[in-house]
PDB file of N, CA and C in Angstrom:
ATOM      1  N   UNK A   1       8.562  -8.097 -19.994  1.00  0.00           N
ATOM      2  CA  UNK A   1       9.766  -7.315 -20.187  1.00  0.00           C
ATOM      3  C   UNK A   1      10.883  -7.875 -19.329  1.00  0.00           C
ATOM      4  N   UNK A   2      12.110  -7.444 -19.604  1.00  0.00           N
ATOM      5  CA  UNK A   2      13.254  -8.020 -18.935  1.00  0.00           C
ATOM      6  C   UNK A   2      13.254  -7.795 -17.419  1.00  0.00           C
ATOM      7  N   UNK A   3      12.755  -6.616 -16.960  1.00  0.00           N
ATOM      8  CA  UNK A   3      12.730  -6.369 -15.504  1.00  0.00           C
ATOM      9  C   UNK A   3      11.871  -7.366 -14.762  1.00  0.00           C
ATOM     10  N   UNK A   4      10.735  -7.774 -15.332  1.00  0.00           N
ATOM     11  CA  UNK A   4       9.885  -8.768 -14.697  1.00  0.00           C
ATOM     12  C   UNK A   4      10.537 -10.120 -14.710  1.00  0.00           C
ATOM     13  N   UNK A   5      11.181 -10.473 -15.869  1.00  0.00           N
ATOM     14  CA  UNK A   5      11.872 -11.771 -15.962  1.00  0.00           C
ATOM     15  C   UNK A   5      12.972 -11.863 -14.907  1.00  0.00           C
ATOM     16  N   UNK A   6      13.733 -10.778 -14.712  1.00  0.00           N
ATOM     17  CA  UNK A   6      14.788 -10.745 -13.748  1.00  0.00           C
ATOM     18  C   UNK A   6      14.320 -10.552 -12.316  1.00  0.00           C
ATOM     19  N   UNK A   7      13.038 -10.332 -12.148  1.00  0.00           N
ATOM     20  CA  UNK A   7      12.416 -10.085 -10.828  1.00  0.00           C
ATOM     21  C   UNK A   7      13.039  -8.911 -10.105  1.00  0.00           C
ATOM     22  N   UNK A   8      13.122  -7.775 -10.802  1.00  0.00           N
ATOM     23  CA  UNK A   8      13.618  -6.511 -10.241  1.00  0.00           C
ATOM     24  C   UNK A   8      12.570  -5.435 -10.397  1.00  0.00           C
ATOM     25  N   UNK A   9      12.591  -4.442  -9.531  1.00  0.00           N
ATOM     26  CA  UNK A   9      11.591  -3.386  -9.722  1.00  0.00           C
ATOM     27  C   UNK A   9      11.931  -2.439 -10.845  1.00  0.00           C
ATOM     28  N   UNK A  10      10.915  -1.852 -11.462  1.00  0.00           N
ATOM     29  CA  UNK A  10      11.135  -0.781 -12.412  1.00  0.00           C
ATOM     30  C   UNK A  10      10.724   0.503 -11.699  1.00  0.00           C
ATOM     31  N   UNK A  11      11.603   1.499 -11.693  1.00  0.00           N
ATOM     32  CA  UNK A  11      11.337   2.708 -10.985  1.00  0.00           C
ATOM     33  C   UNK A  11      11.410   3.873 -11.985  1.00  0.00           C
ATOM     34  N   UNK A  12      10.351   4.638 -12.096  1.00  0.00           N
ATOM     35  CA  UNK A  12      10.307   5.829 -12.956  1.00  0.00           C
ATOM     36  C   UNK A  12      10.125   7.071 -12.120  1.00  0.00           C
ATOM     37  N   UNK A  13      10.945   8.045 -12.346  1.00  0.00           N
ATOM     38  CA  UNK A  13      10.914   9.277 -11.562  1.00  0.00           C
ATOM     39  C   UNK A  13      10.471  10.419 -12.505  1.00  0.00           C
ATOM     40  N   UNK A  14       9.504  11.173 -12.101  1.00  0.00           N
ATOM     41  CA  UNK A  14       9.033  12.337 -12.829  1.00  0.00           C
ATOM     42  C   UNK A  14       9.447  13.578 -12.069  1.00  0.00           C
ATOM     43  N   UNK A  15      10.556  14.152 -12.433  1.00  0.00           N
ATOM     44  CA  UNK A  15      11.077  15.316 -11.787  1.00  0.00           C
ATOM     45  C   UNK A  15      11.185  15.054 -10.245  1.00  0.00           C
ATOM     46  N   UNK A  16      10.777  16.037  -9.490  1.00  0.00           N
ATOM     47  CA  UNK A  16      10.790  15.901  -7.998  1.00  0.00           C
ATOM     48  C   UNK A  16       9.356  15.725  -7.489  1.00  0.00           C
ATOM     49  N   UNK A  17       8.423  15.322  -8.370  1.00  0.00           N
ATOM     50  CA  UNK A  17       7.025  15.276  -7.985  1.00  0.00           C
ATOM     51  C   UNK A  17       6.433  13.914  -7.906  1.00  0.00           C
ATOM     52  N   UNK A  18       7.014  12.911  -8.577  1.00  0.00           N
ATOM     53  CA  UNK A  18       6.400  11.581  -8.550  1.00  0.00           C
ATOM     54  C   UNK A  18       7.379  10.452  -8.730  1.00  0.00           C
ATOM     55  N   UNK A  19       7.116   9.307  -8.119  1.00  0.00           N
ATOM     56  CA  UNK A  19       7.918   8.103  -8.288  1.00  0.00           C
ATOM     57  C   UNK A  19       6.930   6.973  -8.538  1.00  0.00           C
ATOM     58  N   UNK A  20       7.155   6.236  -9.632  1.00  0.00           N
ATOM     59  CA  UNK A  20       6.313   5.099  -9.989  1.00  0.00           C
ATOM     60  C   UNK A  20       7.162   3.805  -9.808  1.00  0.00           C
ATOM     61  N   UNK A  21       6.708   2.869  -9.017  1.00  0.00           N
ATOM     62  CA  UNK A  21       7.468   1.639  -8.725  1.00  0.00           C
ATOM     63  C   UNK A  21       6.619   0.449  -9.141  1.00  0.00           C
ATOM     64  N   UNK A  22       7.181  -0.329 -10.049  1.00  0.00           N
ATOM     65  CA  UNK A  22       6.517  -1.500 -10.577  1.00  0.00           C
ATOM     66  C   UNK A  22       7.226  -2.752 -10.056  1.00  0.00           C
ATOM     67  N   UNK A  23       6.495  -3.818  -9.804  1.00  0.00           N
ATOM     68  CA  UNK A  23       7.072  -5.090  -9.337  1.00  0.00           C
ATOM     69  C   UNK A  23       7.503  -4.954  -7.890  1.00  0.00           C
ATOM     70  N   UNK A  24       6.616  -4.482  -7.031  1.00  0.00           N
ATOM     71  CA  UNK A  24       6.900  -4.340  -5.553  1.00  0.00           C
ATOM     72  C   UNK A  24       6.328  -5.514  -4.785  1.00  0.00           C
ATOM     73  N   UNK A  25       6.622  -5.559  -3.524  1.00  0.00           N
ATOM     74  CA  UNK A  25       6.136  -6.604  -2.614  1.00  0.00           C
ATOM     75  C   UNK A  25       5.411  -6.042  -1.378  1.00  0.00           C
ATOM     76  N   UNK A  26       4.986  -4.801  -1.473  1.00  0.00           N
ATOM     77  CA  UNK A  26       4.209  -4.187  -0.349  1.00  0.00           C
ATOM     78  C   UNK A  26       4.899  -3.011   0.251  1.00  0.00           C
ATOM     79  N   UNK A  27       4.093  -2.312   1.032  1.00  0.00           N
ATOM     80  CA  UNK A  27       4.582  -1.105   1.756  1.00  0.00           C
ATOM     81  C   UNK A  27       5.034  -1.498   3.161  1.00  0.00           C
ATOM     82  N   UNK A  28       6.206  -1.031   3.564  1.00  0.00           N
ATOM     83  CA  UNK A  28       6.723  -1.337   4.850  1.00  0.00           C
ATOM     84  C   UNK A  28       6.412  -0.180   5.838  1.00  0.00           C
ATOM     85  N   UNK A  29       6.617   1.035   5.356  1.00  0.00           N
ATOM     86  CA  UNK A  29       6.379   2.228   6.214  1.00  0.00           C
ATOM     87  C   UNK A  29       5.866   3.386   5.341  1.00  0.00           C
ATOM     88  N   UNK A  30       4.978   4.151   5.889  1.00  0.00           N
ATOM     89  CA  UNK A  30       4.391   5.223   5.092  1.00  0.00           C
ATOM     90  C   UNK A  30       3.966   6.405   6.003  1.00  0.00           C
ATOM     91  N   UNK A  31       4.532   7.565   5.741  1.00  0.00           N
ATOM     92  CA  UNK A  31       4.026   8.785   6.341  1.00  0.00           C
ATOM     93  C   UNK A  31       4.333   9.948   5.402  1.00  0.00           C
ATOM     94  N   UNK A  32       4.067  11.155   5.742  1.00  0.00           N
ATOM     95  CA  UNK A  32       4.160  12.284   4.819  1.00  0.00           C
ATOM     96  C   UNK A  32       5.606  12.656   4.443  1.00  0.00           C
ATOM     97  N   UNK A  33       6.581  12.067   5.173  1.00  0.00           N
ATOM     98  CA  UNK A  33       8.011  12.365   4.861  1.00  0.00           C
ATOM     99  C   UNK A  33       8.816  11.165   4.461  1.00  0.00           C
ATOM    100  N   UNK A  34       8.258   9.971   4.531  1.00  0.00           N
ATOM    101  CA  UNK A  34       9.031   8.744   4.243  1.00  0.00           C
ATOM    102  C   UNK A  34       8.087   7.618   3.761  1.00  0.00           C
ATOM    103  N   UNK A  35       8.500   6.998   2.671  1.00  0.00           N
ATOM    104  CA  UNK A  35       7.745   5.815   2.208  1.00  0.00           C
ATOM    105  C   UNK A  35       8.791   4.733   1.931  1.00  0.00           C
ATOM    106  N   UNK A  36       8.584   3.575   2.598  1.00  0.00           N
ATOM    107  CA  UNK A  36       9.439   2.422   2.358  1.00  0.00           C
ATOM    108  C   UNK A  36       8.678   1.316   1.701  1.00  0.00           C
ATOM    109  N   UNK A  37       9.176   0.843   0.554  1.00  0.00           N
ATOM    110  CA  UNK A  37       8.506  -0.148  -0.247  1.00  0.00           C
ATOM    111  C   UNK A  37       9.385  -1.367  -0.455  1.00  0.00           C
ATOM    112  N   UNK A  38       8.873  -2.510  -0.159  1.00  0.00           N
ATOM    113  CA  UNK A  38       9.621  -3.762  -0.289  1.00  0.00           C
ATOM    114  C   UNK A  38       9.651  -4.167  -1.774  1.00  0.00           C
ATOM    115  N   UNK A  39      10.820  -4.596  -2.237  1.00  0.00           N
ATOM    116  CA  UNK A  39      10.964  -5.095  -3.625  1.00  0.00           C
ATOM    117  C   UNK A  39      11.843  -6.357  -3.574  1.00  0.00           C
ATOM    118  N   UNK A  40      11.881  -7.073  -4.675  1.00  0.00           N
ATOM    119  CA  UNK A  40      12.735  -8.267  -4.692  1.00  0.00           C
ATOM    120  C   UNK A  40      14.212  -8.060  -4.442  1.00  0.00           C
ATOM    121  N   UNK A  41      14.691  -6.842  -4.638  1.00  0.00           N
ATOM    122  CA  UNK A  41      16.103  -6.515  -4.481  1.00  0.00           C
ATOM    123  C   UNK A  41      16.400  -5.654  -3.245  1.00  0.00           C
ATOM    124  N   UNK A  42      15.459  -5.480  -2.354  1.00  0.00           N
ATOM    125  CA  UNK A  42      15.644  -4.704  -1.194  1.00  0.00           C
ATOM    126  C   UNK A  42      14.548  -3.643  -1.039  1.00  0.00           C
ATOM    127  N   UNK A  43      14.732  -2.770  -0.068  1.00  0.00           N
ATOM    128  CA  UNK A  43      13.717  -1.790   0.253  1.00  0.00           C
ATOM    129  C   UNK A  43      14.026  -0.459  -0.505  1.00  0.00           C
ATOM    130  N   UNK A  44      13.030   0.056  -1.251  1.00  0.00           N
ATOM    131  CA  UNK A  44      13.148   1.358  -1.902  1.00  0.00           C
ATOM    132  C   UNK A  44      12.629   2.378  -0.886  1.00  0.00           C
ATOM    133  N   UNK A  45      13.468   3.388  -0.681  1.00  0.00           N
ATOM    134  CA  UNK A  45      13.144   4.473   0.276  1.00  0.00           C
ATOM    135  C   UNK A  45      12.936   5.785  -0.460  1.00  0.00           C
ATOM    136  N   UNK A  46      11.756   6.386  -0.253  1.00  0.00           N
ATOM    137  CA  UNK A  46      11.443   7.688  -0.881  1.00  0.00           C
ATOM    138  C   UNK A  46      11.302   8.656   0.288  1.00  0.00           C
ATOM    139  N   UNK A  47      12.120   9.726   0.267  1.00  0.00           N
ATOM    140  CA  UNK A  47      12.070  10.751   1.307  1.00  0.00           C
ATOM    141  C   UNK A  47      11.634  12.067   0.691  1.00  0.00           C
ATOM    142  N   UNK A  48      10.922  12.889   1.453  1.00  0.00           N
ATOM    143  CA  UNK A  48      10.450  14.160   0.985  1.00  0.00           C
ATOM    144  C   UNK A  48       9.475  14.825   1.902  1.00  0.00           C
ATOM    145  N   UNK A  49       8.645  15.662   1.369  1.00  0.00           N
ATOM    146  CA  UNK A  49       7.598  16.389   2.127  1.00  0.00           C
ATOM    147  C   UNK A  49       6.251  16.183   1.459  1.00  0.00           C
ATOM    148  N   UNK A  50       5.212  16.152   2.230  1.00  0.00           N
ATOM    149  CA  UNK A  50       3.833  16.018   1.700  1.00  0.00           C
ATOM    150  C   UNK A  50       3.686  14.787   0.789  1.00  0.00           C
ATOM    151  N   UNK A  51       4.361  13.681   1.148  1.00  0.00           N
ATOM    152  CA  UNK A  51       4.293  12.465   0.304  1.00  0.00           C
ATOM    153  C   UNK A  51       2.895  11.806   0.420  1.00  0.00           C
ATOM    154  N   UNK A  52       2.421  11.298  -0.675  1.00  0.00           N
ATOM    155  CA  UNK A  52       1.126  10.703  -0.726  1.00  0.00           C
ATOM    156  C   UNK A  52       1.160   9.533  -1.679  1.00  0.00           C
ATOM    157  N   UNK A  53       0.645   8.365  -1.272  1.00  0.00           N
ATOM    158  CA  UNK A  53       0.531   7.233  -2.192  1.00  0.00           C
ATOM    159  C   UNK A  53      -0.668   7.527  -3.059  1.00  0.00           C
ATOM    160  N   UNK A  54      -0.452   7.925  -4.279  1.00  0.00           N
ATOM    161  CA  UNK A  54      -1.507   8.305  -5.180  1.00  0.00           C
ATOM    162  C   UNK A  54      -2.290   7.095  -5.742  1.00  0.00           C
ATOM    163  N   UNK A  55      -1.529   6.086  -6.101  1.00  0.00           N
ATOM    164  CA  UNK A  55      -2.158   4.841  -6.591  1.00  0.00           C
ATOM    165  C   UNK A  55      -1.417   3.630  -6.057  1.00  0.00           C
ATOM    166  N   UNK A  56      -2.125   2.550  -5.813  1.00  0.00           N
ATOM    167  CA  UNK A  56      -1.530   1.309  -5.392  1.00  0.00           C
ATOM    168  C   UNK A  56      -2.412   0.174  -5.937  1.00  0.00           C
ATOM    169  N   UNK A  57      -1.798  -0.660  -6.785  1.00  0.00           N
ATOM    170  CA  UNK A  57      -2.477  -1.887  -7.229  1.00  0.00           C
ATOM    171  C   UNK A  57      -1.526  -3.046  -7.019  1.00  0.00           C
ATOM    172  N   UNK A  58      -1.868  -4.203  -7.497  1.00  0.00           N
ATOM    173  CA  UNK A  58      -1.122  -5.469  -7.194  1.00  0.00           C
ATOM    174  C   UNK A  58       0.390  -5.276  -7.329  1.00  0.00           C
ATOM    175  N   UNK A  59       0.873  -4.737  -8.430  1.00  0.00           N
ATOM    176  CA  UNK A  59       2.313  -4.637  -8.599  1.00  0.00           C
ATOM    177  C   UNK A  59       2.830  -3.240  -8.945  1.00  0.00           C
ATOM    178  N   UNK A  60       2.014  -2.232  -8.719  1.00  0.00           N
ATOM    179  CA  UNK A  60       2.447  -0.864  -9.035  1.00  0.00           C
ATOM    180  C   UNK A  60       2.038   0.119  -7.895  1.00  0.00           C
ATOM    181  N   UNK A  61       2.943   1.037  -7.612  1.00  0.00           N
ATOM    182  CA  UNK A  61       2.682   2.092  -6.586  1.00  0.00           C
ATOM    183  C   UNK A  61       3.149   3.399  -7.206  1.00  0.00           C
ATOM    184  N   UNK A  62       2.399   4.448  -7.012  1.00  0.00           N
ATOM    185  CA  UNK A  62       2.798   5.793  -7.370  1.00  0.00           C
ATOM    186  C   UNK A  62       2.819   6.693  -6.149  1.00  0.00           C
ATOM    187  N   UNK A  63       3.988   7.267  -5.842  1.00  0.00           N
ATOM    188  CA  UNK A  63       4.132   8.172  -4.712  1.00  0.00           C
ATOM    189  C   UNK A  63       4.329   9.588  -5.283  1.00  0.00           C
ATOM    190  N   UNK A  64       3.493  10.508  -4.785  1.00  0.00           N
ATOM    191  CA  UNK A  64       3.617  11.915  -5.227  1.00  0.00           C
ATOM    192  C   UNK A  64       3.930  12.832  -4.037  1.00  0.00           C
ATOM    193  N   UNK A  65       4.483  13.946  -4.331  1.00  0.00           N
ATOM    194  CA  UNK A  65       4.804  14.910  -3.297  1.00  0.00           C
ATOM    195  C   UNK A  65       6.093  15.677  -3.677  1.00  0.00           C
ATOM    196  N   UNK A  66       6.703  16.339  -2.704  1.00  0.00           N
ATOM    197  CA  UNK A  66       7.962  17.059  -2.887  1.00  0.00           C
ATOM    198  C   UNK A  66       9.083  16.090  -2.545  1.00  0.00           C
ATOM    199  N   UNK A  67       9.552  15.387  -3.566  1.00  0.00           N
ATOM    200  CA  UNK A  67      10.527  14.322  -3.357  1.00  0.00           C
ATOM    201  C   UNK A  67      11.955  14.843  -3.268  1.00  0.00           C
ATOM    202  N   UNK A  68      12.606  14.472  -2.153  1.00  0.00           N
ATOM    203  CA  UNK A  68      13.982  14.930  -1.913  1.00  0.00           C
ATOM    204  C   UNK A  68      15.025  13.892  -2.255  1.00  0.00           C
ATOM    205  N   UNK A  69      14.730  12.583  -2.056  1.00  0.00           N
ATOM    206  CA  UNK A  69      15.675  11.519  -2.287  1.00  0.00           C
ATOM    207  C   UNK A  69      14.988  10.172  -2.489  1.00  0.00           C
ATOM    208  N   UNK A  70      15.638   9.337  -3.327  1.00  0.00           N
ATOM    209  CA  UNK A  70      15.201   7.965  -3.549  1.00  0.00           C
ATOM    210  C   UNK A  70      16.408   7.096  -3.417  1.00  0.00           C
ATOM    211  N   UNK A  71      16.292   5.990  -2.659  1.00  0.00           N
ATOM    212  CA  UNK A  71      17.439   5.143  -2.507  1.00  0.00           C
ATOM    213  C   UNK A  71      17.030   3.682  -2.163  1.00  0.00           C
ATOM    214  N   UNK A  72      18.052   2.846  -1.943  1.00  0.00           N
ATOM    215  CA  UNK A  72      17.847   1.485  -1.556  1.00  0.00           C
ATOM    216  C   UNK A  72      18.347   1.174  -0.191  1.00  0.00           C
ATOM    217  N   UNK A  73      17.719   0.322   0.512  1.00  0.00           N
ATOM    218  CA  UNK A  73      18.106  -0.108   1.858  1.00  0.00           C
ATOM    219  C   UNK A  73      18.099  -1.623   1.872  1.00  0.00           C
ATOM    220  N   UNK A  74      19.127  -2.212   2.483  1.00  0.00           N
ATOM    221  CA  UNK A  74      19.161  -3.720   2.521  1.00  0.00           C
ATOM    222  C   UNK A  74      18.231  -4.263   3.529  1.00  0.00           C
TER     223      UNK A  74
END
């Protein structure tokens, strides 16, 4: 797909309960209130409460919990 060709992450948000990130480069920081994930275009930051990395495979991560904000950090 075009996102893989362009080497950018695909981020899918399911309400305030889950974030799915495809085409990542690893986890930088992880606790119950903050998850930082490295991507080709910068760091994706997920903030909230009771955050949990539900699944993690080679190029996909799913974070679940009470999500308050999602953003990018250089």
